[in-house]
Structure formats: C-alpha cells, structure tokens
Amino acid sequence: MFRLVCLLLELATRLLRELGRLPRRAAQALNPGNDASSRRLLWAIALASSAGLAASWAMPRVTLVMSPSIEAWAVRSAPGPIRKGDLVQFTLSHPVAGPKPVSVTKYALCMPGEQVRVALRPPDQAKHVTAAFFCSDASLGTSLAMGRGGMKLSPANIGGVIPPDFVYVGSHHPHGFDSRYFGLVRIERLRRMERLF
C-alpha cells in the first residue's frame, strides 16, 4: 500500500511539473520570431490529446489493488477459466466490508472437488485464533477471533469437499479477510484477473 501511494505521488508530481511548464512552452511555440512555432504547437496538442485518449482508454480497464494481502498494485481482467492460484475479483457484501458492497481481489486457493478441512480450536484456546483452514494438506491460514476495531469474527462453516460451482478465495496474509470468514464464493461471481504490476 505504501509503495502504491509513493508511486501515485511521484506520478502526480511529474504531471504537475509538466503542466507548470506548459504555458511557457505554448508561449515559446507562438512566438512570431520562431518559424517552427505552429509546428511545435501542433505537436504539443497532438501529444496532449494522445495522452488523454490513452488514459481514458486504460483507466477503466485497470483496477488498483488497495489490499496488502495481494501481491499486486494493479490488475486487469484476463479472459479464461479460473485455475488454482489465479487472481479473481468479485463484489463482497459483508458487515466487515462496510455498509456498501465492495470490489475485492483475492486468489483462487482451493477449487471444486478439493477438500477443505477446518480445525477448530477449543474455546479456552481460541482467545486470538479460532480455527486453522487447509486445502487438502496445504495451509490456507487461520481465522482470528477479532478484526479491526474489535469487531468479533467467526470462522466460516465450510469444511468438506468443495461443490462444483464454488471456490475458496483468499490470501496467505494472516489478517486477510477471505473465505475463512465469508465462506465459499460461486464461480459465476468471479472474474479472472492478471497482475499488471
């Protein structure tokens, strides 16, 4: 998240610096003593228009990832079937996410037909961690008893073989909010994504 903010600040600084130089360059281009003034002005207009068109085309196709649990800053839609390990995006409605649905990017970690095993901790040992989740024998992480702001969290009741139309989504971040809490997600709700950077 910090790297993303630094990158955005650097880009904004460069843009503002170039915008500050634009009036001087336009005045130089319009200088009647300069025989190349009209050509320079046309080049400046063409360059600015091209950059604006490129940005208006690219921005709706790119999603910035604001979560530290995903190893990507920006993703875009990638057609094709969803496979284990793919980045996926979907809309999440859950009290932890807030009053309005949010777009969430996660990894497809356990696929249809695979076994999800949940090892619940006894209540006297579940002060911080309430359960451990596994896909076959691979660890998917643990669920916490409390979230940010002291909100009580409960582990999802999802043990067993994953049905044909569902996927376990998540990350390996210890504080990630994923299928450990909200359960399996229907494949039809998922959109396959690819990392840009």
Foldseek 3Di string as FASTA:
>chain_A
DVVLVVVVVVVVVVVVVVVVCVVVLLVVLPPPVDPCSVVSVVVVVVVVVVVVVVCVVVVVQKDAAPDPQDPFGIKGFDDDAADAFFKKWFWDDDVVVPHDIDIDIWTQHEAAQWFKDKAADPPVPQQFWGIWIDGNNHTPETDTQAAPPRHGFDFDPEGTGHHHQWTFTHGNPNRTDGCRGVNIDGSVRITTMDHPD
